[in-house]
Amino acid sequence: MEHKLSEVVLFGTWASSFSGRVKIALKLKGIQYEYVEEDLVNKSQMLLSYNPVHKQVPVLVHRGKPIAESRVILEYIDENWSKTPNLLPKDPYERAKIRFWAKYYDEKIIPGIYSIIRSTGKYREKAIEDLSELVKVFEEGMKRDFQEDPPFFIDGSLSFLGIVVSSYACTYKAFHEAVTTVLIPEKNPAFFSWVHDLKGHPLIKETLPPHDKLVARLKHLQA
């Protein structure tokens, strides 16, 4: 008998920080959902049919309608389930600034981390320096656009940007153990402090992948 999907279904993988973002948002909003763990080496036909363009996770399926790309999914969750807590502020300009920096984080900082994984020797040293400069731009942008109150929380609850940053950055200890040290307090003190605060949030602790399992996966990526 064919399995009937629930009203809200998330297709993801345990190690995907992008899938983790969606899990956090759903839990934050109190939305019941079914989770489907995907094998990206042997992708299911359901995943391929729901995301035929990128063929990647995460994909959120709501009442049979698929939504792909983690930041798009977060906005969909916030707009469709408008009950508090809100992930984005109501002011259009504030929302625009947050979207800008979330995009910067995904398109500059995360690829910078991948560059470190793929490099060795002096090239890795250069990649680490480049990442620190990218993070510095992010730090300066937060302080310029939001003064001394970066929008990682709204009214004490995790926000859109807090979810985007924390789902990847809060696994830095596994990265340090498996690859190399990349998050250095002396070079990027503000970012390190923000990540430390985010890492202490109960939902982040609950949703991050198991440390040892992630270390093993990161070591395998370098092999």
N, C-alpha and C. Protein backbone atom coordinates (compact mmCIF):
# COMPACT_ATOMS: atom_id res chain seq x y z
N MET A 1 0.85 -1.20 0.00
CA MET A 1 0.00 0.00 0.00
C MET A 1 0.89 1.25 0.00
N GLU A 2 0.60 2.20 -0.88
CA GLU A 2 1.42 3.41 -1.00
C GLU A 2 1.26 4.30 0.22
N HIS A 3 2.40 4.79 0.71
CA HIS A 3 2.39 5.66 1.88
C HIS A 3 1.81 7.02 1.52
N LYS A 4 0.86 7.47 2.31
CA LYS A 4 0.26 8.78 2.10
C LYS A 4 1.01 9.81 2.93
N LEU A 5 1.51 10.84 2.27
CA LEU A 5 2.29 11.86 2.96
C LEU A 5 1.40 12.73 3.85
N SER A 6 2.01 13.24 4.90
CA SER A 6 1.31 14.15 5.80
C SER A 6 1.08 15.50 5.12
N GLU A 7 0.37 16.38 5.80
CA GLU A 7 0.08 17.71 5.23
C GLU A 7 1.35 18.51 5.02
N VAL A 8 2.29 18.38 5.97
CA VAL A 8 3.57 19.08 5.87
C VAL A 8 4.69 18.04 5.92
N VAL A 9 5.52 18.03 4.89
CA VAL A 9 6.60 17.04 4.79
C VAL A 9 7.90 17.76 4.44
N LEU A 10 8.96 17.39 5.14
CA LEU A 10 10.28 17.93 4.84
C LEU A 10 11.19 16.81 4.33
N PHE A 11 11.72 16.99 3.14
CA PHE A 11 12.73 16.09 2.60
C PHE A 11 14.10 16.71 2.90
N GLY A 12 14.95 15.98 3.58
CA GLY A 12 16.25 16.53 3.94
C GLY A 12 17.28 15.44 4.17
N THR A 13 18.45 15.84 4.66
CA THR A 13 19.47 14.90 5.09
C THR A 13 19.99 15.36 6.45
N TRP A 14 20.45 14.42 7.23
CA TRP A 14 20.83 14.73 8.62
C TRP A 14 21.98 15.74 8.70
N ALA A 15 22.90 15.70 7.72
CA ALA A 15 24.09 16.56 7.78
C ALA A 15 23.89 17.92 7.13
N SER A 16 22.77 18.10 6.45
CA SER A 16 22.54 19.34 5.69
C SER A 16 22.14 20.49 6.62
N SER A 17 22.98 21.52 6.65
CA SER A 17 22.62 22.70 7.45
C SER A 17 21.40 23.40 6.87
N PHE A 18 21.21 23.26 5.56
CA PHE A 18 20.07 23.89 4.91
C PHE A 18 18.77 23.18 5.31
N SER A 19 18.82 21.87 5.44
CA SER A 19 17.67 21.13 5.97
C SER A 19 17.44 21.50 7.44
N GLY A 20 18.54 21.67 8.17
CA GLY A 20 18.44 22.05 9.58
C GLY A 20 17.71 23.37 9.77
N ARG A 21 17.91 24.30 8.85
CA ARG A 21 17.21 25.59 8.94
C ARG A 21 15.70 25.39 8.95
N VAL A 22 15.24 24.53 8.06
CA VAL A 22 13.80 24.32 7.93
C VAL A 22 13.25 23.62 9.18
N LYS A 23 14.00 22.65 9.70
CA LYS A 23 13.59 21.98 10.93
C LYS A 23 13.41 22.99 12.07
N ILE A 24 14.39 23.88 12.20
CA ILE A 24 14.33 24.89 13.27
C ILE A 24 13.10 25.77 13.11
N ALA A 25 12.84 26.25 11.89
CA ALA A 25 11.70 27.14 11.66
C ALA A 25 10.38 26.44 11.95
N LEU A 26 10.25 25.20 11.52
CA LEU A 26 9.01 24.45 11.76
C LEU A 26 8.79 24.24 13.26
N LYS A 27 9.84 23.88 13.96
CA LYS A 27 9.73 23.67 15.41
C LYS A 27 9.42 24.98 16.13
N LEU A 28 10.06 26.05 15.66
CA LEU A 28 9.85 27.36 16.28
C LEU A 28 8.39 27.80 16.17
N LYS A 29 7.79 27.49 15.02
CA LYS A 29 6.39 27.87 14.78
C LYS A 29 5.40 26.85 15.37
N GLY A 30 5.92 25.73 15.86
CA GLY A 30 5.04 24.71 16.41
C GLY A 30 4.26 23.95 15.36
N ILE A 31 4.87 23.76 14.17
CA ILE A 31 4.20 23.10 13.06
C ILE A 31 4.56 21.61 13.05
N GLN A 32 3.56 20.76 13.09
CA GLN A 32 3.79 19.33 13.00
C GLN A 32 4.16 18.96 11.57
N TYR A 33 5.17 18.11 11.42
CA TYR A 33 5.59 17.74 10.07
C TYR A 33 6.15 16.33 10.05
N GLU A 34 6.14 15.76 8.86
CA GLU A 34 6.76 14.45 8.62
C GLU A 34 8.13 14.70 8.02
N TYR A 35 9.12 13.95 8.48
CA TYR A 35 10.48 14.12 7.96
C TYR A 35 10.87 12.90 7.14
N VAL A 36 11.40 13.14 5.94
CA VAL A 36 11.88 12.07 5.06
C VAL A 36 13.38 12.25 4.85
N GLU A 37 14.16 11.32 5.36
CA GLU A 37 15.62 11.35 5.19
C GLU A 37 15.97 10.85 3.80
N GLU A 38 16.69 11.69 3.05
CA GLU A 38 17.07 11.36 1.69
C GLU A 38 18.51 10.84 1.64
N ASP A 39 18.76 9.97 0.68
CA ASP A 39 20.10 9.51 0.36
C ASP A 39 20.49 10.22 -0.94
N LEU A 40 21.39 11.19 -0.85
CA LEU A 40 21.71 12.00 -2.03
C LEU A 40 22.53 11.25 -3.08
N VAL A 41 23.03 10.07 -2.70
CA VAL A 41 23.71 9.22 -3.69
C VAL A 41 22.67 8.44 -4.49
N ASN A 42 21.57 8.14 -3.84
CA ASN A 42 20.49 7.39 -4.48
C ASN A 42 19.17 8.10 -4.19
N LYS A 43 18.93 9.20 -4.90
CA LYS A 43 17.80 10.08 -4.60
C LYS A 43 16.47 9.41 -4.93
N SER A 44 15.50 9.67 -4.08
CA SER A 44 14.18 9.07 -4.30
C SER A 44 13.47 9.74 -5.47
N GLN A 45 12.55 9.01 -6.06
CA GLN A 45 11.76 9.57 -7.15
C GLN A 45 10.89 10.73 -6.67
N MET A 46 10.48 10.66 -5.41
CA MET A 46 9.67 11.76 -4.87
C MET A 46 10.48 13.05 -4.83
N LEU A 47 11.73 12.96 -4.36
CA LEU A 47 12.57 14.16 -4.32
C LEU A 47 12.79 14.70 -5.72
N LEU A 48 13.09 13.83 -6.67
CA LEU A 48 13.34 14.27 -8.05
C LEU A 48 12.10 14.89 -8.69
N SER A 49 10.94 14.40 -8.30
CA SER A 49 9.71 14.97 -8.87
C SER A 49 9.35 16.29 -8.20
N TYR A 50 9.66 16.42 -6.90
CA TYR A 50 9.34 17.65 -6.19
C TYR A 50 10.35 18.77 -6.44
N ASN A 51 11.60 18.40 -6.76
CA ASN A 51 12.61 19.41 -7.05
C ASN A 51 13.38 19.01 -8.31
N PRO A 52 12.72 19.07 -9.46
CA PRO A 52 13.34 18.61 -10.71
C PRO A 52 14.45 19.52 -11.22
N VAL A 53 14.51 20.76 -10.73
CA VAL A 53 15.53 21.71 -11.21
C VAL A 53 16.88 21.43 -10.56
N HIS A 54 16.93 21.50 -9.22
CA HIS A 54 18.21 21.33 -8.50
C HIS A 54 18.43 19.91 -8.00
N LYS A 55 17.30 19.17 -7.81
CA LYS A 55 17.39 17.78 -7.34
C LYS A 55 18.14 17.68 -6.00
N GLN A 56 17.91 18.66 -5.14
CA GLN A 56 18.60 18.72 -3.86
C GLN A 56 17.61 18.93 -2.71
N VAL A 57 18.11 18.74 -1.50
CA VAL A 57 17.34 19.05 -0.30
C VAL A 57 17.80 20.40 0.22
N PRO A 58 16.96 21.08 1.00
CA PRO A 58 15.65 20.65 1.48
C PRO A 58 14.54 20.97 0.48
N VAL A 59 13.47 20.19 0.62
CA VAL A 59 12.22 20.49 -0.07
C VAL A 59 11.11 20.37 0.96
N LEU A 60 10.30 21.39 1.06
CA LEU A 60 9.12 21.34 1.93
C LEU A 60 7.91 21.11 1.04
N VAL A 61 7.11 20.12 1.40
CA VAL A 61 5.88 19.85 0.66
C VAL A 61 4.70 20.16 1.57
N HIS A 62 3.89 21.14 1.18
CA HIS A 62 2.74 21.55 1.97
C HIS A 62 1.47 21.30 1.17
N ARG A 63 0.67 20.38 1.68
CA ARG A 63 -0.56 19.99 0.97
C ARG A 63 -0.29 19.60 -0.48
N GLY A 64 0.80 18.88 -0.68
CA GLY A 64 1.14 18.38 -2.00
C GLY A 64 1.91 19.34 -2.88
N LYS A 65 2.12 20.58 -2.41
CA LYS A 65 2.82 21.59 -3.21
C LYS A 65 4.25 21.76 -2.71
N PRO A 66 5.25 21.54 -3.57
CA PRO A 66 6.65 21.61 -3.13
C PRO A 66 7.22 23.02 -3.15
N ILE A 67 8.06 23.31 -2.16
CA ILE A 67 8.82 24.56 -2.10
C ILE A 67 10.27 24.18 -1.88
N ALA A 68 11.17 24.68 -2.73
CA ALA A 68 12.58 24.35 -2.64
C ALA A 68 13.41 25.57 -2.25
N GLU A 69 14.66 25.33 -1.85
CA GLU A 69 15.62 26.34 -1.44
C GLU A 69 15.32 26.83 -0.02
N SER A 70 16.30 26.69 0.87
CA SER A 70 16.04 26.88 2.30
C SER A 70 15.56 28.29 2.66
N ARG A 71 16.15 29.33 2.07
CA ARG A 71 15.71 30.68 2.43
C ARG A 71 14.30 30.95 1.92
N VAL A 72 13.99 30.43 0.75
CA VAL A 72 12.63 30.56 0.20
C VAL A 72 11.64 29.83 1.12
N ILE A 73 12.03 28.66 1.59
CA ILE A 73 11.16 27.89 2.48
C ILE A 73 10.93 28.62 3.80
N LEU A 74 11.97 29.22 4.35
CA LEU A 74 11.82 29.97 5.60
C LEU A 74 10.81 31.10 5.44
N GLU A 75 10.91 31.82 4.33
CA GLU A 75 9.96 32.91 4.10
C GLU A 75 8.55 32.38 3.91
N TYR A 76 8.43 31.26 3.22
CA TYR A 76 7.10 30.65 3.04
C TYR A 76 6.50 30.28 4.38
N ILE A 77 7.30 29.66 5.24
CA ILE A 77 6.81 29.27 6.57
C ILE A 77 6.35 30.49 7.34
N ASP A 78 7.13 31.56 7.28
CA ASP A 78 6.80 32.76 8.04
C ASP A 78 5.52 33.42 7.53
N GLU A 79 5.33 33.39 6.22
CA GLU A 79 4.16 34.03 5.63
C GLU A 79 2.91 33.16 5.73
N ASN A 80 3.07 31.87 5.56
CA ASN A 80 1.91 30.98 5.57
C ASN A 80 1.40 30.71 6.99
N TRP A 81 2.33 30.54 7.92
CA TRP A 81 1.97 30.37 9.33
C TRP A 81 2.37 31.66 10.05
N SER A 82 1.50 32.63 9.94
CA SER A 82 1.85 33.98 10.41
C SER A 82 1.81 34.14 11.92
N LYS A 83 1.45 33.08 12.63
CA LYS A 83 1.43 33.16 14.09
C LYS A 83 2.85 33.42 14.60
N THR A 84 2.93 34.07 15.73
CA THR A 84 4.23 34.35 16.32
C THR A 84 4.85 33.06 16.82
N PRO A 85 6.19 33.01 16.93
CA PRO A 85 7.12 34.11 16.67
C PRO A 85 7.35 34.33 15.17
N ASN A 86 7.56 35.59 14.81
CA ASN A 86 7.84 35.94 13.43
C ASN A 86 9.34 35.77 13.15
N LEU A 87 9.65 35.28 11.96
CA LEU A 87 11.05 35.11 11.59
C LEU A 87 11.65 36.39 11.03
N LEU A 88 10.81 37.20 10.40
CA LEU A 88 11.25 38.47 9.82
C LEU A 88 10.45 39.61 10.43
N PRO A 89 11.07 40.79 10.56
CA PRO A 89 10.33 41.94 11.08
C PRO A 89 9.28 42.41 10.09
N LYS A 90 8.36 43.23 10.55
CA LYS A 90 7.28 43.72 9.68
C LYS A 90 7.74 44.86 8.78
N ASP A 91 8.70 45.64 9.22
CA ASP A 91 9.15 46.78 8.43
C ASP A 91 9.83 46.32 7.13
N PRO A 92 9.36 46.77 5.96
CA PRO A 92 9.91 46.31 4.67
C PRO A 92 11.40 46.56 4.51
N TYR A 93 11.86 47.71 4.99
CA TYR A 93 13.29 48.03 4.83
C TYR A 93 14.15 47.11 5.69
N GLU A 94 13.71 46.87 6.92
CA GLU A 94 14.45 45.95 7.80
C GLU A 94 14.48 44.55 7.19
N ARG A 95 13.36 44.12 6.63
CA ARG A 95 13.30 42.81 5.99
C ARG A 95 14.29 42.73 4.81
N ALA A 96 14.34 43.80 4.03
CA ALA A 96 15.23 43.83 2.87
C ALA A 96 16.69 43.71 3.29
N LYS A 97 17.07 44.42 4.35
CA LYS A 97 18.46 44.36 4.82
C LYS A 97 18.80 42.95 5.31
N ILE A 98 17.88 42.34 6.00
CA ILE A 98 18.12 40.98 6.50
C ILE A 98 18.26 40.00 5.34
N ARG A 99 17.40 40.12 4.34
CA ARG A 99 17.51 39.25 3.16
C ARG A 99 18.86 39.43 2.47
N PHE A 100 19.32 40.67 2.39
CA PHE A 100 20.61 40.95 1.75
C PHE A 100 21.73 40.20 2.46
N TRP A 101 21.77 40.30 3.80
CA TRP A 101 22.88 39.70 4.53
C TRP A 101 22.76 38.18 4.62
N ALA A 102 21.55 37.67 4.58
CA ALA A 102 21.37 36.21 4.52
C ALA A 102 21.91 35.68 3.19
N LYS A 103 21.64 36.41 2.12
CA LYS A 103 22.14 36.02 0.79
C LYS A 103 23.66 36.10 0.76
N TYR A 104 24.22 37.16 1.36
CA TYR A 104 25.67 37.30 1.43
C TYR A 104 26.28 36.12 2.17
N TYR A 105 25.68 35.75 3.27
CA TYR A 105 26.19 34.64 4.08
C TYR A 105 26.21 33.34 3.25
N ASP A 106 25.14 33.08 2.55
CA ASP A 106 25.03 31.85 1.76
C ASP A 106 25.94 31.85 0.53
N GLU A 107 26.12 33.02 -0.09
CA GLU A 107 26.84 33.07 -1.36
C GLU A 107 28.32 33.42 -1.22
N LYS A 108 28.73 33.89 -0.03
CA LYS A 108 30.12 34.25 0.18
C LYS A 108 30.78 33.42 1.28
N ILE A 109 30.17 33.40 2.45
CA ILE A 109 30.81 32.75 3.60
C ILE A 109 30.78 31.24 3.49
N ILE A 110 29.64 30.66 3.18
CA ILE A 110 29.58 29.20 3.08
C ILE A 110 30.48 28.66 1.96
N PRO A 111 30.47 29.25 0.76
CA PRO A 111 31.44 28.79 -0.25
C PRO A 111 32.89 28.97 0.21
N GLY A 112 33.14 30.01 1.01
CA GLY A 112 34.49 30.21 1.55
C GLY A 112 34.90 29.06 2.44
N ILE A 113 33.96 28.51 3.20
CA ILE A 113 34.25 27.35 4.06
C ILE A 113 34.51 26.12 3.19
N TYR A 114 33.72 25.94 2.15
CA TYR A 114 33.94 24.80 1.24
C TYR A 114 35.32 24.87 0.59
N SER A 115 35.78 26.09 0.29
CA SER A 115 37.11 26.25 -0.32
C SER A 115 38.21 25.72 0.60
N ILE A 116 38.02 25.89 1.89
CA ILE A 116 39.00 25.39 2.86
C ILE A 116 39.03 23.86 2.85
N ILE A 117 37.86 23.25 2.78
CA ILE A 117 37.79 21.78 2.74
C ILE A 117 38.52 21.24 1.51
N ARG A 118 38.39 21.93 0.39
CA ARG A 118 38.94 21.42 -0.87
C ARG A 118 40.42 21.74 -1.07
N SER A 119 41.02 22.56 -0.19
CA SER A 119 42.39 23.00 -0.39
C SER A 119 43.35 22.39 0.63
N THR A 120 44.62 22.50 0.34
CA THR A 120 45.67 22.01 1.25
C THR A 120 46.83 23.00 1.25
N GLY A 121 47.71 22.85 2.25
CA GLY A 121 48.95 23.63 2.31
C GLY A 121 48.74 25.12 2.27
N LYS A 122 49.55 25.80 1.46
CA LYS A 122 49.49 27.26 1.39
C LYS A 122 48.15 27.74 0.82
N TYR A 123 47.51 26.90 0.00
CA TYR A 123 46.22 27.27 -0.57
C TYR A 123 45.13 27.27 0.51
N ARG A 124 45.26 26.34 1.45
CA ARG A 124 44.32 26.33 2.57
C ARG A 124 44.53 27.54 3.47
N GLU A 125 45.80 27.89 3.71
CA GLU A 125 46.09 29.07 4.53
C GLU A 125 45.48 30.32 3.90
N LYS A 126 45.62 30.41 2.58
CA LYS A 126 45.03 31.56 1.87
C LYS A 126 43.50 31.52 1.97
N ALA A 127 42.90 30.35 1.86
CA ALA A 127 41.44 30.22 1.95
C ALA A 127 40.93 30.62 3.33
N ILE A 128 41.69 30.30 4.36
CA ILE A 128 41.32 30.67 5.73
C ILE A 128 41.38 32.19 5.90
N GLU A 129 42.41 32.81 5.34
CA GLU A 129 42.52 34.27 5.39
C GLU A 129 41.38 34.93 4.63
N ASP A 130 41.07 34.38 3.47
CA ASP A 130 39.97 34.93 2.66
C ASP A 130 38.64 34.83 3.42
N LEU A 131 38.43 33.71 4.09
CA LEU A 131 37.19 33.54 4.86
C LEU A 131 37.10 34.56 5.97
N SER A 132 38.21 34.79 6.66
CA SER A 132 38.21 35.77 7.74
C SER A 132 37.82 37.15 7.23
N GLU A 133 38.29 37.51 6.02
CA GLU A 133 37.95 38.80 5.44
C GLU A 133 36.46 38.86 5.08
N LEU A 134 35.92 37.76 4.57
CA LEU A 134 34.49 37.70 4.25
C LEU A 134 33.65 37.85 5.51
N VAL A 135 34.08 37.21 6.57
CA VAL A 135 33.35 37.31 7.84
C VAL A 135 33.45 38.73 8.39
N LYS A 136 34.61 39.37 8.18
CA LYS A 136 34.78 40.76 8.65
C LYS A 136 33.79 41.69 7.94
N VAL A 137 33.59 41.48 6.67
CA VAL A 137 32.61 42.27 5.92
C VAL A 137 31.22 42.08 6.53
N PHE A 138 30.91 40.84 6.89
CA PHE A 138 29.62 40.53 7.52
C PHE A 138 29.50 41.23 8.87
N GLU A 139 30.56 41.17 9.67
CA GLU A 139 30.56 41.85 10.97
C GLU A 139 30.32 43.34 10.81
N GLU A 140 31.05 43.95 9.91
CA GLU A 140 30.92 45.39 9.70
C GLU A 140 29.54 45.75 9.19
N GLY A 141 29.00 44.89 8.32
CA GLY A 141 27.66 45.13 7.79
C GLY A 141 26.59 45.07 8.87
N MET A 142 26.74 44.11 9.77
CA MET A 142 25.78 44.00 10.89
C MET A 142 25.81 45.27 11.75
N LYS A 143 27.02 45.73 12.05
CA LYS A 143 27.15 46.90 12.92
C LYS A 143 26.68 48.18 12.22
N ARG A 144 26.93 48.25 10.90
CA ARG A 144 26.52 49.45 10.15
C ARG A 144 25.00 49.49 9.96
N ASP A 145 24.42 48.34 9.61
CA ASP A 145 23.00 48.32 9.27
C ASP A 145 22.08 48.14 10.47
N PHE A 146 22.62 47.57 11.54
CA PHE A 146 21.76 47.27 12.71
C PHE A 146 22.35 47.79 14.02
N GLN A 147 23.35 48.67 13.91
CA GLN A 147 24.04 49.23 15.07
C GLN A 147 24.59 48.09 15.94
N GLU A 148 24.33 48.13 17.22
CA GLU A 148 24.90 47.12 18.12
C GLU A 148 23.91 46.00 18.42
N ASP A 149 22.89 45.87 17.60
CA ASP A 149 21.87 44.85 17.87
C ASP A 149 21.58 44.03 16.60
N PRO A 150 22.51 43.13 16.22
CA PRO A 150 22.29 42.31 15.03
C PRO A 150 21.00 41.50 15.15
N PRO A 151 20.25 41.37 14.07
CA PRO A 151 18.90 40.79 14.14
C PRO A 151 18.87 39.26 14.13
N PHE A 152 19.62 38.64 15.03
CA PHE A 152 19.60 37.18 15.10
C PHE A 152 18.42 36.68 15.95
N PHE A 153 17.84 37.60 16.70
CA PHE A 153 16.66 37.30 17.51
C PHE A 153 15.64 38.41 17.32
N ILE A 154 14.36 38.06 17.37
CA ILE A 154 13.27 39.05 17.38
C ILE A 154 12.44 38.79 18.63
N ASP A 155 12.42 39.78 19.50
CA ASP A 155 11.70 39.65 20.77
C ASP A 155 12.13 38.39 21.53
N GLY A 156 13.43 38.12 21.49
CA GLY A 156 13.98 36.99 22.24
C GLY A 156 13.88 35.65 21.55
N SER A 157 13.26 35.61 20.36
CA SER A 157 13.10 34.35 19.63
C SER A 157 14.01 34.35 18.40
N LEU A 158 14.46 33.18 18.00
CA LEU A 158 15.31 33.07 16.81
C LEU A 158 14.65 33.72 15.60
N SER A 159 15.43 34.43 14.83
CA SER A 159 14.92 35.12 13.65
C SER A 159 15.39 34.42 12.37
N PHE A 160 14.95 34.94 11.26
CA PHE A 160 15.35 34.45 9.94
C PHE A 160 16.87 34.39 9.82
N LEU A 161 17.54 35.51 10.12
CA LEU A 161 19.00 35.56 9.98
C LEU A 161 19.68 34.69 11.04
N GLY A 162 19.11 34.63 12.22
CA GLY A 162 19.66 33.77 13.26
C GLY A 162 19.65 32.31 12.84
N ILE A 163 18.57 31.90 12.20
CA ILE A 163 18.46 30.52 11.72
C ILE A 163 19.45 30.26 10.59
N VAL A 164 19.54 31.19 9.65
CA VAL A 164 20.44 31.04 8.51
C VAL A 164 21.89 30.88 8.98
N VAL A 165 22.31 31.73 9.89
CA VAL A 165 23.70 31.71 10.35
C VAL A 165 23.97 30.50 11.24
N SER A 166 23.09 30.24 12.18
CA SER A 166 23.37 29.23 13.20
C SER A 166 23.42 27.81 12.66
N SER A 167 22.60 27.50 11.68
CA SER A 167 22.51 26.12 11.20
C SER A 167 23.84 25.60 10.67
N TYR A 168 24.70 26.49 10.19
CA TYR A 168 26.01 26.08 9.69
C TYR A 168 27.12 26.47 10.65
N ALA A 169 27.11 27.72 11.09
CA ALA A 169 28.22 28.23 11.91
C ALA A 169 28.33 27.51 13.25
N CYS A 170 27.22 27.06 13.79
CA CYS A 170 27.25 26.44 15.11
C CYS A 170 27.83 25.04 15.11
N THR A 171 28.20 24.53 13.93
CA THR A 171 28.89 23.24 13.86
C THR A 171 30.40 23.44 13.76
N TYR A 172 30.89 24.63 14.10
CA TYR A 172 32.30 24.94 13.87
C TYR A 172 33.25 24.01 14.64
N LYS A 173 32.83 23.51 15.80
CA LYS A 173 33.73 22.63 16.57
C LYS A 173 34.00 21.33 15.82
N ALA A 174 33.00 20.81 15.13
CA ALA A 174 33.19 19.61 14.31
C ALA A 174 34.14 19.91 13.16
N PHE A 175 33.98 21.08 12.55
CA PHE A 175 34.86 21.48 11.45
C PHE A 175 36.29 21.62 11.94
N HIS A 176 36.47 22.23 13.10
CA HIS A 176 37.82 22.39 13.65
C HIS A 176 38.47 21.04 13.91
N GLU A 177 37.71 20.10 14.42
CA GLU A 177 38.26 18.78 14.73
C GLU A 177 38.57 17.97 13.48
N ALA A 178 37.71 18.09 12.48
CA ALA A 178 37.86 17.25 11.28
C ALA A 178 38.76 17.87 10.22
N VAL A 179 38.77 19.20 10.13
CA VAL A 179 39.46 19.86 9.02
C VAL A 179 40.58 20.76 9.54
N THR A 180 40.22 21.91 10.06
CA THR A 180 41.19 22.85 10.60
C THR A 180 40.44 23.96 11.32
N THR A 181 41.13 24.77 12.08
CA THR A 181 40.50 25.88 12.79
C THR A 181 40.23 27.03 11.82
N VAL A 182 38.97 27.43 11.75
CA VAL A 182 38.61 28.51 10.83
C VAL A 182 37.94 29.69 11.54
N LEU A 183 37.31 29.41 12.68
CA LEU A 183 36.63 30.48 13.41
C LEU A 183 37.54 30.91 14.56
N ILE A 184 38.23 32.03 14.36
CA ILE A 184 39.25 32.47 15.31
C ILE A 184 38.76 33.73 16.02
N PRO A 185 38.54 33.65 17.35
CA PRO A 185 37.99 34.80 18.09
C PRO A 185 38.81 36.07 17.92
N GLU A 186 40.12 35.95 17.84
CA GLU A 186 40.98 37.13 17.74
C GLU A 186 40.78 37.86 16.41
N LYS A 187 40.46 37.11 15.37
CA LYS A 187 40.29 37.73 14.04
C LYS A 187 38.88 38.22 13.80
N ASN A 188 37.91 37.47 14.29
CA ASN A 188 36.50 37.82 14.08
C ASN A 188 35.74 37.72 15.40
N PRO A 189 36.05 38.62 16.34
CA PRO A 189 35.48 38.51 17.69
C PRO A 189 33.96 38.68 17.73
N ALA A 190 33.43 39.57 16.93
CA ALA A 190 31.98 39.80 16.97
C ALA A 190 31.24 38.56 16.46
N PHE A 191 31.70 38.02 15.34
CA PHE A 191 31.03 36.85 14.76
C PHE A 191 31.11 35.67 15.72
N PHE A 192 32.28 35.48 16.32
CA PHE A 192 32.45 34.37 17.27
C PHE A 192 31.49 34.53 18.44
N SER A 193 31.33 35.74 18.93
CA SER A 193 30.42 36.00 20.04
C SER A 193 28.98 35.72 19.64
N TRP A 194 28.59 36.14 18.44
CA TRP A 194 27.22 35.90 17.97
C TRP A 194 26.95 34.40 17.84
N VAL A 195 27.90 33.68 17.29
CA VAL A 195 27.73 32.23 17.11
C VAL A 195 27.63 31.54 18.47
N HIS A 196 28.44 31.99 19.41
CA HIS A 196 28.40 31.42 20.76
C HIS A 196 27.02 31.60 21.38
N ASP A 197 26.45 32.77 21.21
CA ASP A 197 25.10 33.03 21.75
C ASP A 197 24.05 32.17 21.06
N LEU A 198 24.16 32.05 19.75
CA LEU A 198 23.19 31.24 19.00
C LEU A 198 23.30 29.77 19.38
N LYS A 199 24.52 29.30 19.58
CA LYS A 199 24.76 27.89 19.88
C LYS A 199 24.11 27.47 21.21
N GLY A 200 23.88 28.45 22.09
CA GLY A 200 23.27 28.15 23.38
C GLY A 200 21.76 28.04 23.34
N HIS A 201 21.15 28.36 22.20
CA HIS A 201 19.69 28.30 22.11
C HIS A 201 19.23 26.84 22.09
N PRO A 202 18.22 26.50 22.88
CA PRO A 202 17.77 25.09 22.97
C PRO A 202 17.41 24.46 21.62
N LEU A 203 16.75 25.21 20.74
CA LEU A 203 16.37 24.65 19.44
C LEU A 203 17.59 24.35 18.57
N ILE A 204 18.60 25.18 18.68
CA ILE A 204 19.83 24.95 17.93
C ILE A 204 20.50 23.67 18.45
N LYS A 205 20.61 23.56 19.76
CA LYS A 205 21.22 22.37 20.36
C LYS A 205 20.48 21.10 19.92
N GLU A 206 19.17 21.19 19.88
CA GLU A 206 18.34 20.03 19.55
C GLU A 206 18.45 19.64 18.09
N THR A 207 18.73 20.60 17.22
CA THR A 207 18.66 20.37 15.78
C THR A 207 20.00 20.10 15.13
N LEU A 208 21.09 20.55 15.73
CA LEU A 208 22.41 20.33 15.12
C LEU A 208 22.68 18.84 14.97
N PRO A 209 23.38 18.44 13.90
CA PRO A 209 23.71 17.03 13.72
C PRO A 209 24.66 16.54 14.81
N PRO A 210 24.66 15.23 15.11
CA PRO A 210 25.55 14.69 16.14
C PRO A 210 27.01 15.02 15.83
N HIS A 211 27.73 15.51 16.82
CA HIS A 211 29.11 15.99 16.62
C HIS A 211 30.01 14.93 16.00
N ASP A 212 30.09 13.75 16.62
CA ASP A 212 31.02 12.72 16.15
C ASP A 212 30.68 12.24 14.74
N LYS A 213 29.40 12.14 14.48
CA LYS A 213 28.95 11.70 13.15
C LYS A 213 29.32 12.73 12.09
N LEU A 214 29.19 14.02 12.44
CA LEU A 214 29.54 15.08 11.50
C LEU A 214 31.05 15.14 11.29
N VAL A 215 31.82 14.93 12.34
CA VAL A 215 33.28 14.89 12.22
C VAL A 215 33.69 13.81 11.23
N ALA A 216 33.10 12.63 11.37
CA ALA A 216 33.42 11.53 10.46
C ALA A 216 33.07 11.87 9.02
N ARG A 217 31.95 12.53 8.83
CA ARG A 217 31.53 12.90 7.47
C ARG A 217 32.49 13.92 6.87
N LEU A 218 32.88 14.91 7.65
CA LEU A 218 33.81 15.94 7.15
C LEU A 218 35.17 15.35 6.80
N LYS A 219 35.63 14.40 7.60
CA LYS A 219 36.91 13.74 7.31
C LYS A 219 36.79 12.95 6.01
N HIS A 220 35.64 12.34 5.81
CA HIS A 220 35.42 11.56 4.58
C HIS A 220 35.43 12.45 3.35
N LEU A 221 34.88 13.67 3.49
CA LEU A 221 34.86 14.61 2.35
C LEU A 221 36.25 15.01 1.89
N GLN A 222 37.20 14.96 2.82
CA GLN A 222 38.59 15.33 2.49
C GLN A 222 39.40 14.17 1.95
N ALA A 223 38.90 12.95 2.15
CA ALA A 223 39.68 11.77 1.77
C ALA A 223 39.85 11.68 0.26
